[in-house]
Amino acid sequence: MKQHIFSLFIAAIALSSCTKDKDAFCPPPGKQCDSTLYASLLPADTCVVFPELYGPSYIYERIGLGYSLIGKSPGNPDEWLYIIGRENNATGDEGAEIWKIDTCFGRKEMIVDSIYVQPKLNSNGWLLFMSRKDGLLYKITENGENLSVVSKEINNVNFDWCLNGEAFFYRARFKKVAYLVSIEGEVLDSFNLDCHAIAGRENRVALSLKSYAVTNTRIAILNLFNGSLTDVTDLADIGMGGPLSLIWESDESLIGVFAGRGFFRIHIPSGAVEPIKVVCDNFSYYYPVVDPEAPSWLISGRFDYTYPEIGHVYFTTSMVMLNTHTGEEWKLDLDQ
């Protein structure tokens, strides 16, 4: 069995040092049980430049299982929810599974299978996910109970909770229409928006929208109470494309993950954009979540790519925590 990084005693010492010395060695936030939450501090990344291809693009092939972090249980921060993808490639039809582990006692259980894209967890312990079987949105408790369908339209893989977890917001796949829906599945409102990345926070929904550029570079915030849409910035003005996904870091800032670029912070009052973690050809990130107990930590999935051989790039996936201020990155090995 692997050795976990810190016992409770060592963690207490380390956390105490963090409060006194800004350069001290600091573990990820939260209680460290003397059990099976195994975390390892990753070394600083070294960038590798892959050769340019002329003609066909690289063929990407995953090695091992696919993993992604959903986050901590709202009722018990020692419990983590994560995804296991068992299909061999992006075109597999099996779908992924949601798992939960109690990191103090090592108990693991599968919550539901046949999910597609990243589920969203609200503060009341409800999971919202898209089914691979029919493309509709479902809700289920983190304990695997009360499964029910909550959307009438096929989802366009973009959705999030809002209004303190009492409702959610999503865009229909075959329509340029977004819906505000109660947790029970009742449509509360609809919006004529061709939105893509979606991030909800109370009565505000951050969106990426089309602008004069081809991609979805316009970042705006929809107020669900009065229907107003406020522009934050247009990323095309600084030579960036649209985000793969958006998350709220605070009331005043968003974090976006961008293909081939990495994590960037978007300041809402000013529209300023700053890099948090820039990626290279040999690694990238996906499906970030802000740790609600420690907003300076991103919970994220990570791709690591090997140098291509005859047009093939092999990659692995892992679950990591990244400190947005210090750059420290920890790998979480929850599925052992």
Protein backbone atom coordinates (compact mmCIF):
# COMPACT_ATOMS: atom_id res chain seq x y z
CA MET A 1 0.00 0.00 0.00
CA LYS A 2 1.29 3.43 -0.85
CA GLN A 3 2.49 5.73 1.89
CA HIS A 4 0.32 8.83 2.30
CA ILE A 5 2.16 12.10 2.61
CA PHE A 6 1.23 13.34 6.02
CA SER A 7 -0.09 11.93 9.25
CA LEU A 8 -2.30 14.24 11.30
CA PHE A 9 0.68 15.24 13.44
CA ILE A 10 2.95 16.15 10.55
CA ALA A 11 0.09 17.94 8.78
CA ALA A 12 -0.52 20.06 11.87
CA ILE A 13 3.15 21.06 11.97
CA ALA A 14 3.16 21.89 8.26
CA LEU A 15 0.00 23.93 8.45
CA SER A 16 1.40 25.84 11.43
CA SER A 17 4.54 26.62 9.43
CA CYS A 18 2.41 27.89 6.56
CA THR A 19 0.94 30.58 8.79
CA LYS A 20 4.39 31.80 9.85
CA ASP A 21 6.56 31.42 6.78
CA LYS A 22 5.36 32.19 3.28
CA ASP A 23 8.04 29.87 1.86
CA ALA A 24 7.14 26.93 4.11
CA PHE A 25 6.24 23.54 2.64
CA CYS A 26 2.43 23.45 2.73
CA PRO A 27 0.10 20.49 2.12
CA PRO A 28 -3.21 20.86 0.28
CA PRO A 29 -5.97 22.38 2.43
CA GLY A 30 -8.42 20.38 4.48
CA LYS A 31 -8.20 17.65 7.07
CA GLN A 32 -5.60 14.95 6.34
CA CYS A 33 -6.94 11.67 7.69
CA ASP A 34 -4.47 8.96 8.63
CA SER A 35 -5.99 6.74 5.97
CA THR A 36 -6.13 6.44 2.21
CA LEU A 37 -6.01 10.00 0.89
CA TYR A 38 -2.65 9.69 -0.83
CA ALA A 39 -1.26 12.85 -2.29
CA SER A 40 2.11 13.49 -3.85
CA LEU A 41 3.67 16.85 -4.61
CA LEU A 42 4.43 17.01 -8.32
CA PRO A 43 7.75 18.40 -9.53
CA ALA A 44 7.84 21.61 -11.53
CA ASP A 45 6.77 21.03 -15.12
CA THR A 46 9.27 20.94 -17.95
CA CYS A 47 7.93 22.03 -21.31
CA VAL A 48 8.44 19.77 -24.32
CA VAL A 49 7.80 21.04 -27.83
CA PHE A 50 6.33 18.46 -30.18
CA PRO A 51 7.30 18.57 -33.87
CA GLU A 52 4.97 20.26 -36.32
CA LEU A 53 2.92 17.94 -38.50
CA TYR A 54 2.16 18.74 -42.11
CA GLY A 55 -0.94 17.01 -43.36
CA PRO A 56 -2.79 14.63 -40.99
CA SER A 57 -2.86 15.56 -37.31
CA TYR A 58 -1.60 13.46 -34.44
CA ILE A 59 -3.55 10.41 -33.32
CA TYR A 60 -4.09 10.57 -29.54
CA GLU A 61 -4.46 7.35 -27.56
CA ARG A 62 -5.07 7.12 -23.81
CA ILE A 63 -3.08 4.70 -21.69
CA GLY A 64 -4.97 3.31 -18.70
CA LEU A 65 -8.25 4.55 -17.29
CA GLY A 66 -9.59 8.07 -17.62
CA TYR A 67 -9.96 10.09 -14.41
CA SER A 68 -11.53 13.38 -13.44
CA LEU A 69 -12.25 15.04 -10.11
CA ILE A 70 -15.73 16.31 -9.26
CA GLY A 71 -14.95 17.62 -5.79
CA LYS A 72 -15.50 17.08 -2.09
CA SER A 73 -18.79 16.05 -0.51
CA PRO A 74 -20.52 19.16 0.91
CA GLY A 75 -21.51 17.18 4.00
CA ASN A 76 -18.17 15.48 4.60
CA PRO A 77 -14.95 17.00 3.20
CA ASP A 78 -13.15 13.70 3.81
CA GLU A 79 -15.28 12.18 1.04
CA TRP A 80 -14.31 12.83 -2.59
CA LEU A 81 -16.32 12.33 -5.76
CA TYR A 82 -14.55 11.51 -9.00
CA ILE A 83 -15.04 9.98 -12.44
CA ILE A 84 -13.65 6.80 -13.95
CA GLY A 85 -13.79 6.55 -17.73
CA ARG A 86 -13.34 3.00 -18.94
CA GLU A 87 -13.84 3.45 -22.69
CA ASN A 88 -10.61 3.42 -24.65
CA ASN A 89 -11.17 6.63 -26.59
CA ALA A 90 -13.43 9.61 -26.96
CA THR A 91 -15.80 7.74 -29.28
CA GLY A 92 -16.52 4.92 -26.84
CA ASP A 93 -20.18 4.24 -26.07
CA GLU A 94 -19.91 2.85 -22.56
CA GLY A 95 -19.90 6.15 -20.74
CA ALA A 96 -18.10 6.96 -17.51
CA GLU A 97 -18.90 6.26 -13.86
CA ILE A 98 -19.19 8.50 -10.80
CA TRP A 99 -17.44 7.11 -7.72
CA LYS A 100 -17.19 8.28 -4.12
CA ILE A 101 -14.44 7.44 -1.66
CA ASP A 102 -14.28 8.02 2.08
CA THR A 103 -10.61 8.95 2.41
CA CYS A 104 -10.55 8.24 6.15
CA PHE A 105 -11.66 4.63 5.86
CA GLY A 106 -11.01 3.75 2.22
CA ARG A 107 -14.63 2.86 1.45
CA LYS A 108 -15.44 3.26 -2.25
CA GLU A 109 -18.78 3.03 -4.02
CA MET A 110 -20.05 3.65 -7.52
CA ILE A 111 -22.87 6.21 -7.61
CA VAL A 112 -24.05 5.97 -11.24
CA ASP A 113 -22.75 4.97 -14.66
CA SER A 114 -23.30 5.98 -18.30
CA ILE A 115 -22.50 9.64 -17.68
CA TYR A 116 -21.11 12.02 -20.28
CA VAL A 117 -18.96 15.12 -19.65
CA GLN A 118 -18.34 16.62 -16.22
CA PRO A 119 -21.14 16.34 -13.62
CA LYS A 120 -21.85 19.31 -11.37
CA LEU A 121 -22.23 19.00 -7.58
CA ASN A 122 -24.26 21.54 -5.61
CA SER A 123 -23.96 22.57 -1.96
CA ASN A 124 -26.83 20.29 -0.97
CA GLY A 125 -25.16 17.12 -2.26
CA TRP A 126 -27.08 16.79 -5.53
CA LEU A 127 -25.22 15.72 -8.67
CA LEU A 128 -26.38 17.00 -12.04
CA PHE A 129 -25.16 14.96 -15.00
CA MET A 130 -25.79 14.26 -18.65
CA SER A 131 -26.66 10.68 -19.56
CA ARG A 132 -24.78 9.06 -22.40
CA LYS A 133 -27.89 6.99 -23.16
CA ASP A 134 -30.30 9.78 -24.13
CA GLY A 135 -28.47 13.12 -23.78
CA LEU A 136 -30.88 14.36 -21.09
CA LEU A 137 -29.91 15.82 -17.74
CA TYR A 138 -30.44 13.80 -14.56
CA LYS A 139 -30.06 14.50 -10.88
CA ILE A 140 -29.01 12.04 -8.18
CA THR A 141 -27.85 12.42 -4.60
CA GLU A 142 -24.20 11.84 -3.83
CA ASN A 143 -25.36 8.70 -1.99
CA GLY A 144 -26.79 7.28 -5.21
CA GLU A 145 -30.46 7.87 -4.34
CA ASN A 146 -33.45 9.60 -5.99
CA LEU A 147 -32.30 9.36 -9.60
CA SER A 148 -34.62 11.31 -11.90
CA VAL A 149 -34.57 13.08 -15.27
CA VAL A 150 -34.82 16.88 -15.00
CA SER A 151 -34.58 18.17 -18.59
CA LYS A 152 -36.96 17.93 -21.51
CA GLU A 153 -34.40 18.99 -24.13
CA ILE A 154 -31.21 17.21 -25.11
CA ASN A 155 -28.33 19.04 -23.47
CA ASN A 156 -25.46 20.67 -25.34
CA VAL A 157 -22.89 19.50 -22.71
CA ASN A 158 -22.98 22.90 -21.00
CA PHE A 159 -24.80 23.25 -17.67
CA ASP A 160 -24.35 24.32 -14.06
CA TRP A 161 -26.20 24.85 -10.79
CA CYS A 162 -27.38 28.32 -9.77
CA LEU A 163 -29.69 29.99 -7.24
CA ASN A 164 -27.95 28.21 -4.35
CA GLY A 165 -28.51 24.79 -5.86
CA GLU A 166 -32.27 25.20 -6.17
CA ALA A 167 -32.08 25.50 -9.97
CA PHE A 168 -29.74 24.90 -12.88
CA PHE A 169 -28.99 26.52 -16.23
CA TYR A 170 -28.29 24.73 -19.51
CA ARG A 171 -28.29 25.21 -23.25
CA ALA A 172 -30.33 22.92 -25.52
CA ARG A 173 -28.28 21.09 -28.13
CA PHE A 174 -30.31 21.75 -31.24
CA LYS A 175 -31.49 25.23 -30.31
CA LYS A 176 -29.81 28.53 -29.56
CA VAL A 177 -31.87 28.62 -26.40
CA ALA A 178 -30.84 28.30 -22.75
CA TYR A 179 -33.15 27.28 -19.92
CA LEU A 180 -33.40 28.02 -16.22
CA VAL A 181 -34.86 24.93 -14.58
CA SER A 182 -35.84 24.16 -10.99
CA ILE A 183 -34.22 21.26 -9.19
CA GLU A 184 -37.47 19.37 -9.74
CA GLY A 185 -37.25 19.81 -13.52
CA GLU A 186 -39.73 22.67 -14.02
CA VAL A 187 -38.70 25.24 -16.63
CA LEU A 188 -38.64 28.62 -14.90
CA ASP A 189 -37.38 30.78 -17.76
CA SER A 190 -35.78 30.61 -21.20
CA PHE A 191 -33.19 32.84 -22.89
CA ASN A 192 -32.36 33.35 -26.55
CA LEU A 193 -28.65 32.78 -26.04
CA ASP A 194 -26.16 30.80 -28.10
CA CYS A 195 -24.00 30.22 -25.03
CA HIS A 196 -21.26 27.67 -24.53
CA ALA A 197 -19.16 27.63 -21.35
CA ILE A 198 -21.57 28.07 -18.41
CA ALA A 199 -20.81 28.79 -14.73
CA GLY A 200 -23.53 29.56 -12.18
CA ARG A 201 -23.15 31.46 -8.90
CA GLU A 202 -26.33 32.35 -7.00
CA ASN A 203 -28.38 34.59 -9.35
CA ARG A 204 -25.55 35.13 -11.87
CA VAL A 205 -24.52 32.90 -14.76
CA ALA A 206 -21.21 33.51 -16.52
CA LEU A 207 -21.30 32.61 -20.22
CA SER A 208 -19.08 32.50 -23.28
CA LEU A 209 -20.91 33.84 -26.32
CA LYS A 210 -20.14 34.40 -29.97
CA SER A 211 -18.88 37.83 -30.93
CA TYR A 212 -17.47 39.19 -34.16
CA ALA A 213 -14.87 36.42 -33.92
CA VAL A 214 -15.58 32.86 -34.99
CA THR A 215 -15.13 31.30 -31.57
CA ASN A 216 -17.02 31.97 -28.35
CA THR A 217 -14.77 34.69 -27.04
CA ARG A 218 -17.28 37.11 -25.56
CA ILE A 219 -17.53 36.67 -21.79
CA ALA A 220 -20.72 38.01 -20.21
CA ILE A 221 -22.78 37.60 -17.06
CA LEU A 222 -26.52 37.02 -17.06
CA ASN A 223 -28.52 38.25 -14.08
CA LEU A 224 -31.31 35.74 -13.54
CA PHE A 225 -33.39 38.15 -11.46
CA ASN A 226 -33.80 40.85 -14.10
CA GLY A 227 -32.54 39.20 -17.32
CA SER A 228 -29.79 41.76 -17.89
CA LEU A 229 -26.63 40.68 -19.74
CA THR A 230 -23.40 42.45 -18.80
CA ASP A 231 -20.27 42.13 -20.93
CA VAL A 232 -17.01 41.44 -19.11
CA THR A 233 -14.47 41.14 -21.94
CA ASP A 234 -13.95 39.83 -25.44
CA LEU A 235 -10.99 37.47 -25.44
CA ALA A 236 -10.50 37.93 -29.18
CA ASP A 237 -9.20 41.42 -28.43
CA ILE A 238 -6.15 39.89 -26.74
CA GLY A 239 -5.68 37.07 -29.25
CA MET A 240 -7.38 34.30 -27.27
CA GLY A 241 -10.07 31.85 -28.26
CA GLY A 242 -13.12 30.87 -26.24
CA PRO A 243 -12.76 28.88 -23.00
CA LEU A 244 -13.41 25.16 -22.82
CA SER A 245 -15.07 25.82 -19.46
CA LEU A 246 -15.56 28.58 -16.90
CA ILE A 247 -15.77 28.49 -13.11
CA TRP A 248 -16.30 31.15 -10.47
CA GLU A 249 -13.27 31.80 -8.28
CA SER A 250 -14.98 34.55 -6.28
CA ASP A 251 -17.72 37.15 -6.71
CA GLU A 252 -15.20 39.27 -8.61
CA SER A 253 -13.30 36.72 -10.72
CA LEU A 254 -13.70 33.78 -13.07
CA ILE A 255 -11.21 31.10 -14.08
CA GLY A 256 -11.25 29.66 -17.58
CA VAL A 257 -9.40 26.70 -19.02
CA PHE A 258 -8.31 27.21 -22.62
CA ALA A 259 -7.18 24.59 -25.13
CA GLY A 260 -3.44 24.77 -25.67
CA ARG A 261 -3.07 27.65 -23.20
CA GLY A 262 -4.02 26.60 -19.67
CA PHE A 263 -5.73 28.38 -16.77
CA PHE A 264 -6.46 32.12 -16.89
CA ARG A 265 -8.14 34.42 -14.38
CA ILE A 266 -10.73 36.88 -15.68
CA HIS A 267 -11.34 39.89 -13.44
CA ILE A 268 -14.99 40.85 -13.69
CA PRO A 269 -14.90 44.56 -12.79
CA SER A 270 -12.06 45.42 -15.17
CA GLY A 271 -12.18 42.63 -17.75
CA ALA A 272 -8.44 42.08 -17.25
CA VAL A 273 -7.12 38.60 -18.01
CA GLU A 274 -4.06 37.07 -16.35
CA PRO A 275 -2.40 33.64 -16.66
CA ILE A 276 -2.49 31.23 -13.74
CA LYS A 277 -0.86 28.15 -15.27
CA VAL A 278 0.32 28.00 -18.87
CA VAL A 279 0.47 24.56 -20.48
CA CYS A 280 2.84 23.03 -23.01
CA ASP A 281 2.66 20.34 -25.69
CA ASN A 282 3.28 17.63 -23.09
CA PHE A 283 0.56 18.48 -20.54
CA SER A 284 -2.79 20.23 -20.22
CA TYR A 285 -5.84 20.42 -17.93
CA TYR A 286 -9.58 19.85 -18.08
CA TYR A 287 -12.74 20.13 -15.93
CA PRO A 288 -11.48 22.49 -13.19
CA VAL A 289 -13.44 23.08 -9.97
CA VAL A 290 -12.67 25.58 -7.21
CA ASP A 291 -12.40 24.03 -3.75
CA PRO A 292 -15.20 25.82 -1.83
CA GLU A 293 -13.27 25.46 1.44
CA ALA A 294 -10.08 26.92 -0.03
CA PRO A 295 -10.71 29.04 -3.16
CA SER A 296 -6.99 29.30 -3.93
CA TRP A 297 -6.97 25.59 -4.83
CA LEU A 298 -8.20 24.26 -8.15
CA ILE A 299 -9.42 20.67 -8.32
CA SER A 300 -8.77 19.49 -11.86
CA GLY A 301 -8.09 16.71 -14.29
CA ARG A 302 -4.71 16.64 -16.03
CA PHE A 303 -3.44 15.18 -19.31
CA ASP A 304 0.20 14.14 -19.63
CA TYR A 305 1.37 13.46 -23.18
CA THR A 306 4.42 11.53 -24.37
CA TYR A 307 6.59 12.64 -27.27
CA PRO A 308 4.90 11.50 -30.51
CA GLU A 309 6.05 8.43 -32.39
CA ILE A 310 5.08 8.20 -36.07
CA GLY A 311 2.12 10.50 -35.61
CA HIS A 312 0.90 8.91 -32.34
CA VAL A 313 0.69 10.73 -29.01
CA TYR A 314 0.01 8.58 -25.94
CA PHE A 315 -1.38 10.20 -22.83
CA THR A 316 -2.46 9.46 -19.28
CA THR A 317 -4.98 11.24 -17.07
CA SER A 318 -4.73 12.08 -13.38
CA MET A 319 -6.52 14.03 -10.64
CA VAL A 320 -4.67 17.03 -9.24
CA MET A 321 -4.97 20.02 -6.94
CA LEU A 322 -3.28 23.23 -8.10
CA ASN A 323 -2.64 26.26 -5.93
CA THR A 324 -3.45 29.31 -8.03
CA HIS A 325 -1.15 31.57 -5.99
CA THR A 326 1.93 29.43 -5.33
CA GLY A 327 1.80 27.13 -8.37
CA GLU A 328 2.14 24.03 -6.16
CA GLU A 329 0.49 20.99 -7.68
CA TRP A 330 -0.45 17.75 -5.97
CA LYS A 331 -1.56 14.50 -7.54
CA LEU A 332 -4.43 12.68 -5.80
CA ASP A 333 -4.44 8.90 -6.20
CA LEU A 334 -7.99 8.14 -5.06
CA ASP A 335 -8.60 5.03 -7.16
CA GLN A 336 -6.19 2.52 -5.60
